[in-house]
N, C-alpha and C. Protein backbone atom coordinates (compact mmCIF):
# COMPACT_ATOMS: atom_id res chain seq x y z
N UNK A 1 -173.96 4.16 51.84
CA UNK A 1 -173.24 4.98 52.81
C UNK A 1 -174.24 5.84 53.58
N UNK A 2 -174.16 5.81 54.87
CA UNK A 2 -175.10 6.54 55.72
C UNK A 2 -174.74 8.02 55.76
N UNK A 3 -175.75 8.82 55.93
CA UNK A 3 -175.57 10.26 56.02
C UNK A 3 -175.01 10.61 57.40
N UNK A 4 -174.04 11.54 57.47
CA UNK A 4 -173.49 11.93 58.78
C UNK A 4 -174.59 12.51 59.66
N UNK A 5 -174.51 12.27 60.97
CA UNK A 5 -175.57 12.74 61.86
C UNK A 5 -175.65 14.25 62.03
N UNK A 6 -174.54 14.97 61.80
CA UNK A 6 -174.54 16.42 61.95
C UNK A 6 -174.02 17.03 60.64
N UNK A 7 -174.80 17.97 60.11
CA UNK A 7 -174.41 18.62 58.86
C UNK A 7 -174.24 20.12 59.10
N UNK A 8 -173.26 20.68 58.40
CA UNK A 8 -173.07 22.13 58.46
C UNK A 8 -173.24 22.70 57.06
N UNK A 9 -173.75 23.92 57.00
CA UNK A 9 -173.89 24.66 55.77
C UNK A 9 -173.28 26.03 56.00
N UNK A 10 -172.35 26.42 55.14
CA UNK A 10 -171.71 27.73 55.26
C UNK A 10 -172.02 28.51 53.99
N UNK A 11 -172.55 29.71 54.17
CA UNK A 11 -172.86 30.60 53.04
C UNK A 11 -171.99 31.83 53.17
N UNK A 12 -171.16 32.03 52.16
CA UNK A 12 -170.32 33.22 52.10
C UNK A 12 -170.59 33.85 50.74
N UNK A 13 -171.32 34.95 50.76
CA UNK A 13 -171.73 35.54 49.50
C UNK A 13 -172.58 34.55 48.73
N UNK A 14 -172.28 34.33 47.46
CA UNK A 14 -173.08 33.37 46.68
C UNK A 14 -172.63 31.92 46.82
N UNK A 15 -171.53 31.67 47.50
CA UNK A 15 -171.01 30.31 47.63
C UNK A 15 -171.63 29.60 48.82
N UNK A 16 -171.99 28.33 48.62
CA UNK A 16 -172.59 27.50 49.67
C UNK A 16 -171.78 26.23 49.78
N UNK A 17 -171.39 25.87 51.00
CA UNK A 17 -170.63 24.65 51.26
C UNK A 17 -171.37 23.80 52.27
N UNK A 18 -171.48 22.50 51.99
CA UNK A 18 -172.10 21.55 52.91
C UNK A 18 -171.04 20.54 53.34
N UNK A 19 -171.01 20.23 54.64
CA UNK A 19 -170.11 19.20 55.14
C UNK A 19 -170.83 18.37 56.19
N UNK A 20 -170.39 17.14 56.35
CA UNK A 20 -170.95 16.25 57.35
C UNK A 20 -169.94 15.99 58.45
N UNK A 21 -170.42 15.77 59.67
CA UNK A 21 -169.56 15.56 60.83
C UNK A 21 -170.12 14.45 61.70
N UNK A 22 -169.24 13.83 62.44
CA UNK A 22 -169.64 12.71 63.29
C UNK A 22 -170.42 13.16 64.52
N UNK A 23 -170.10 14.35 65.05
CA UNK A 23 -170.80 14.82 66.24
C UNK A 23 -170.89 16.34 66.24
N UNK A 24 -171.64 16.86 67.19
CA UNK A 24 -171.90 18.29 67.26
C UNK A 24 -170.64 19.09 67.55
N UNK A 25 -169.78 18.57 68.41
CA UNK A 25 -168.54 19.28 68.77
C UNK A 25 -167.66 19.50 67.54
N UNK A 26 -167.45 18.45 66.76
CA UNK A 26 -166.59 18.59 65.57
C UNK A 26 -167.25 19.52 64.55
N UNK A 27 -168.57 19.51 64.45
CA UNK A 27 -169.26 20.41 63.54
C UNK A 27 -169.09 21.86 63.96
N UNK A 28 -169.22 22.13 65.25
CA UNK A 28 -169.05 23.50 65.74
C UNK A 28 -167.61 23.98 65.59
N UNK A 29 -166.65 23.10 65.80
CA UNK A 29 -165.24 23.48 65.61
C UNK A 29 -164.96 23.79 64.15
N UNK A 30 -165.51 23.00 63.24
CA UNK A 30 -165.33 23.26 61.81
C UNK A 30 -166.00 24.57 61.41
N UNK A 31 -167.15 24.85 61.99
CA UNK A 31 -167.85 26.10 61.71
C UNK A 31 -167.04 27.29 62.18
N UNK A 32 -166.47 27.19 63.38
CA UNK A 32 -165.64 28.27 63.91
C UNK A 32 -164.42 28.50 63.02
N UNK A 33 -163.78 27.42 62.61
CA UNK A 33 -162.58 27.53 61.77
C UNK A 33 -162.90 28.18 60.43
N UNK A 34 -163.99 27.79 59.82
CA UNK A 34 -164.35 28.31 58.50
C UNK A 34 -164.79 29.77 58.57
N UNK A 35 -165.58 30.13 59.56
CA UNK A 35 -166.11 31.49 59.63
C UNK A 35 -165.15 32.49 60.25
N UNK A 36 -164.15 32.03 61.00
CA UNK A 36 -163.22 32.97 61.63
C UNK A 36 -162.35 33.67 60.60
N UNK A 37 -162.20 33.07 59.44
CA UNK A 37 -161.38 33.68 58.37
C UNK A 37 -162.17 34.69 57.55
N UNK A 38 -163.48 34.78 57.80
CA UNK A 38 -164.34 35.65 57.00
C UNK A 38 -164.54 36.97 57.74
N UNK A 39 -164.57 38.03 57.00
CA UNK A 39 -164.85 39.32 57.60
C UNK A 39 -165.23 40.31 56.54
N UNK A 40 -166.01 41.27 56.93
CA UNK A 40 -166.40 42.31 55.99
C UNK A 40 -165.35 43.39 55.91
N UNK A 41 -165.58 44.32 55.03
CA UNK A 41 -164.63 45.40 54.86
C UNK A 41 -164.96 46.60 55.73
N UNK A 42 -166.06 46.52 56.46
CA UNK A 42 -166.42 47.59 57.40
C UNK A 42 -166.99 48.82 56.74
N UNK A 43 -167.45 48.71 55.50
CA UNK A 43 -167.99 49.87 54.80
C UNK A 43 -169.51 49.82 54.75
N UNK A 44 -170.11 50.99 54.76
CA UNK A 44 -171.55 51.10 54.64
C UNK A 44 -171.94 50.85 53.19
N UNK A 45 -172.98 50.05 52.99
CA UNK A 45 -173.45 49.73 51.65
C UNK A 45 -174.78 50.42 51.39
N UNK A 46 -174.98 50.79 50.15
CA UNK A 46 -176.23 51.40 49.74
C UNK A 46 -176.90 50.49 48.72
N UNK A 47 -178.12 50.05 49.06
CA UNK A 47 -178.90 49.18 48.18
C UNK A 47 -180.29 49.78 48.04
N UNK A 48 -180.70 50.04 46.80
CA UNK A 48 -182.01 50.63 46.53
C UNK A 48 -182.24 51.88 47.37
N UNK A 49 -181.28 52.76 47.37
CA UNK A 49 -181.34 54.04 48.09
C UNK A 49 -181.45 53.90 49.61
N UNK A 50 -181.08 52.75 50.11
CA UNK A 50 -181.11 52.54 51.56
C UNK A 50 -179.70 52.19 52.01
N UNK A 51 -179.27 52.79 53.11
CA UNK A 51 -177.91 52.58 53.61
C UNK A 51 -177.91 51.50 54.69
N UNK A 52 -176.93 50.60 54.61
CA UNK A 52 -176.76 49.53 55.59
C UNK A 52 -175.39 49.64 56.22
N UNK A 53 -175.38 49.86 57.53
CA UNK A 53 -174.11 49.95 58.25
C UNK A 53 -173.49 48.55 58.31
N UNK A 54 -172.19 48.45 58.58
CA UNK A 54 -171.54 47.15 58.62
C UNK A 54 -172.18 46.17 59.62
N UNK A 55 -172.69 46.66 60.73
CA UNK A 55 -173.29 45.75 61.70
C UNK A 55 -174.63 45.20 61.21
N UNK A 56 -175.25 45.85 60.25
CA UNK A 56 -176.52 45.38 59.70
C UNK A 56 -176.33 44.42 58.53
N UNK A 57 -175.09 44.22 58.10
CA UNK A 57 -174.81 43.34 56.97
C UNK A 57 -174.35 41.97 57.45
N UNK A 58 -174.95 40.92 56.92
CA UNK A 58 -174.50 39.56 57.21
C UNK A 58 -173.63 39.14 56.02
N UNK A 59 -172.32 39.01 56.26
CA UNK A 59 -171.42 38.64 55.17
C UNK A 59 -171.23 37.14 55.06
N UNK A 60 -171.51 36.42 56.13
CA UNK A 60 -171.42 34.96 56.11
C UNK A 60 -172.36 34.38 57.16
N UNK A 61 -172.88 33.19 56.84
CA UNK A 61 -173.77 32.51 57.77
C UNK A 61 -173.39 31.04 57.81
N UNK A 62 -173.23 30.52 59.01
CA UNK A 62 -172.97 29.10 59.18
C UNK A 62 -174.10 28.46 59.95
N UNK A 63 -174.58 27.33 59.45
CA UNK A 63 -175.70 26.64 60.09
C UNK A 63 -175.29 25.23 60.49
N UNK A 64 -175.87 24.74 61.58
CA UNK A 64 -175.63 23.38 62.07
C UNK A 64 -176.98 22.69 62.20
N UNK A 65 -177.07 21.49 61.65
CA UNK A 65 -178.27 20.66 61.81
C UNK A 65 -177.83 19.34 62.41
N UNK A 66 -178.33 19.07 63.60
CA UNK A 66 -177.92 17.86 64.29
C UNK A 66 -179.04 16.88 64.46
N UNK A 67 -178.80 15.86 65.24
CA UNK A 67 -179.84 14.87 65.47
C UNK A 67 -181.02 15.48 66.22
N UNK A 68 -182.18 14.95 65.96
CA UNK A 68 -183.37 15.53 66.58
C UNK A 68 -183.69 16.85 65.93
N UNK A 69 -183.99 17.81 66.72
CA UNK A 69 -184.32 19.13 66.19
C UNK A 69 -183.26 20.18 66.51
N UNK A 70 -182.04 19.74 66.72
CA UNK A 70 -180.95 20.68 67.02
C UNK A 70 -180.60 21.47 65.76
N UNK A 71 -180.94 22.74 65.76
CA UNK A 71 -180.64 23.62 64.64
C UNK A 71 -180.21 24.98 65.18
N UNK A 72 -179.19 25.50 64.56
CA UNK A 72 -178.72 26.82 64.96
C UNK A 72 -177.61 27.25 64.04
N UNK A 73 -177.03 28.39 64.36
CA UNK A 73 -175.96 28.89 63.51
C UNK A 73 -175.35 30.16 64.05
N UNK A 74 -174.44 30.68 63.24
CA UNK A 74 -173.72 31.90 63.58
C UNK A 74 -173.73 32.81 62.36
N UNK A 75 -174.05 34.08 62.56
CA UNK A 75 -173.96 35.09 61.51
C UNK A 75 -172.73 35.94 61.76
N UNK A 76 -171.93 36.15 60.73
CA UNK A 76 -170.78 37.04 60.81
C UNK A 76 -171.18 38.34 60.12
N UNK A 77 -171.05 39.43 60.83
CA UNK A 77 -171.47 40.75 60.35
C UNK A 77 -170.35 41.46 59.60
N UNK A 78 -170.68 42.55 58.97
CA UNK A 78 -169.72 43.32 58.18
C UNK A 78 -168.62 43.95 59.02
N UNK A 79 -168.84 44.10 60.31
CA UNK A 79 -167.82 44.65 61.19
C UNK A 79 -167.02 43.55 61.89
N UNK A 80 -167.16 42.30 61.42
CA UNK A 80 -166.47 41.10 61.91
C UNK A 80 -167.01 40.60 63.25
N UNK A 81 -168.10 41.16 63.73
CA UNK A 81 -168.72 40.63 64.94
C UNK A 81 -169.54 39.40 64.54
N UNK A 82 -169.85 38.57 65.52
CA UNK A 82 -170.62 37.35 65.25
C UNK A 82 -171.69 37.20 66.31
N UNK A 83 -172.84 36.66 65.90
CA UNK A 83 -173.90 36.38 66.85
C UNK A 83 -174.52 35.04 66.53
N UNK A 84 -174.85 34.30 67.58
CA UNK A 84 -175.42 32.97 67.44
C UNK A 84 -176.93 33.04 67.47
N UNK A 85 -177.57 32.06 66.83
CA UNK A 85 -179.01 31.98 66.81
C UNK A 85 -179.43 30.51 66.77
N UNK A 86 -180.67 30.27 67.14
CA UNK A 86 -181.23 28.92 67.05
C UNK A 86 -182.53 29.00 66.26
N UNK A 87 -182.99 27.84 65.84
CA UNK A 87 -184.24 27.78 65.10
C UNK A 87 -184.00 27.58 63.62
N UNK A 88 -185.09 27.40 62.91
CA UNK A 88 -184.99 27.22 61.47
C UNK A 88 -185.77 28.31 60.76
N UNK A 89 -187.05 28.39 61.01
CA UNK A 89 -187.88 29.40 60.36
C UNK A 89 -187.95 30.68 61.18
N UNK A 90 -187.98 30.53 62.48
CA UNK A 90 -187.94 31.69 63.38
C UNK A 90 -186.64 31.65 64.14
N UNK A 91 -185.76 32.51 63.77
CA UNK A 91 -184.46 32.53 64.44
C UNK A 91 -184.56 33.32 65.73
N UNK A 92 -183.96 32.76 66.78
CA UNK A 92 -183.91 33.44 68.06
C UNK A 92 -182.46 33.67 68.42
N UNK A 93 -182.13 34.89 68.76
CA UNK A 93 -180.78 35.25 69.14
C UNK A 93 -180.38 34.54 70.43
N UNK A 94 -179.17 34.02 70.47
CA UNK A 94 -178.65 33.36 71.67
C UNK A 94 -177.82 34.38 72.43
N UNK A 95 -178.22 34.76 73.64
CA UNK A 95 -177.43 35.72 74.40
C UNK A 95 -176.11 35.10 74.85
N UNK A 96 -175.06 35.89 74.74
CA UNK A 96 -173.74 35.43 75.16
C UNK A 96 -173.53 35.77 76.63
N UNK A 97 -172.97 34.81 77.33
CA UNK A 97 -172.64 35.04 78.73
C UNK A 97 -171.24 35.63 78.83
N UNK A 98 -170.80 35.97 80.05
CA UNK A 98 -169.48 36.56 80.25
C UNK A 98 -168.40 35.64 79.70
N UNK A 99 -167.39 36.21 79.06
CA UNK A 99 -166.25 35.47 78.50
C UNK A 99 -166.69 34.36 77.54
N UNK A 100 -167.71 34.60 76.76
CA UNK A 100 -168.22 33.60 75.83
C UNK A 100 -168.39 34.26 74.47
N UNK A 101 -167.93 33.59 73.41
CA UNK A 101 -168.16 34.11 72.07
C UNK A 101 -169.40 33.46 71.48
N UNK A 102 -169.73 33.81 70.25
CA UNK A 102 -170.95 33.31 69.63
C UNK A 102 -170.93 31.79 69.47
N UNK A 103 -169.77 31.22 69.17
CA UNK A 103 -169.65 29.78 68.95
C UNK A 103 -169.85 29.01 70.26
N UNK A 104 -169.29 29.53 71.35
CA UNK A 104 -169.47 28.89 72.66
C UNK A 104 -170.92 29.01 73.12
N UNK A 105 -171.56 30.14 72.83
CA UNK A 105 -172.96 30.31 73.19
C UNK A 105 -173.83 29.31 72.43
N UNK A 106 -173.55 29.12 71.16
CA UNK A 106 -174.31 28.15 70.37
C UNK A 106 -174.10 26.73 70.89
N UNK A 107 -172.86 26.39 71.23
CA UNK A 107 -172.57 25.07 71.77
C UNK A 107 -173.30 24.84 73.09
N UNK A 108 -173.36 25.87 73.93
CA UNK A 108 -174.04 25.75 75.21
C UNK A 108 -175.54 25.48 75.01
N UNK A 109 -176.15 26.18 74.07
CA UNK A 109 -177.58 26.03 73.85
C UNK A 109 -177.93 24.71 73.15
N UNK A 110 -177.08 24.28 72.20
CA UNK A 110 -177.36 23.05 71.47
C UNK A 110 -176.90 21.80 72.22
N UNK A 111 -176.19 22.00 73.31
CA UNK A 111 -175.78 20.85 74.12
C UNK A 111 -174.45 20.25 73.72
N UNK A 112 -173.61 21.03 73.07
CA UNK A 112 -172.31 20.52 72.64
C UNK A 112 -171.30 20.94 73.58
């Protein structure tokens, strides 16, 4: 059995889920569906005497790996905001255009 051309990885806390998809569009739609149900509680966390505001906390991360070198993902923050990024080792933030959410920005950059 051949490996699907596009794979997604979703990390929510300690849980990791991997799924395969036929194309980039279906992978991005599945990523949106899975991550839209996730959200933080909006509380500031203290770790090792350091305070982290909800916007500084990543409560979930979804990644897409497609054919070629298409790699990117979406981080969901503790305040339920989301931001898209590309890359693997060096993540670069994807700027959102007018009337565009993080998932649409990622699709635009990855060619979906």
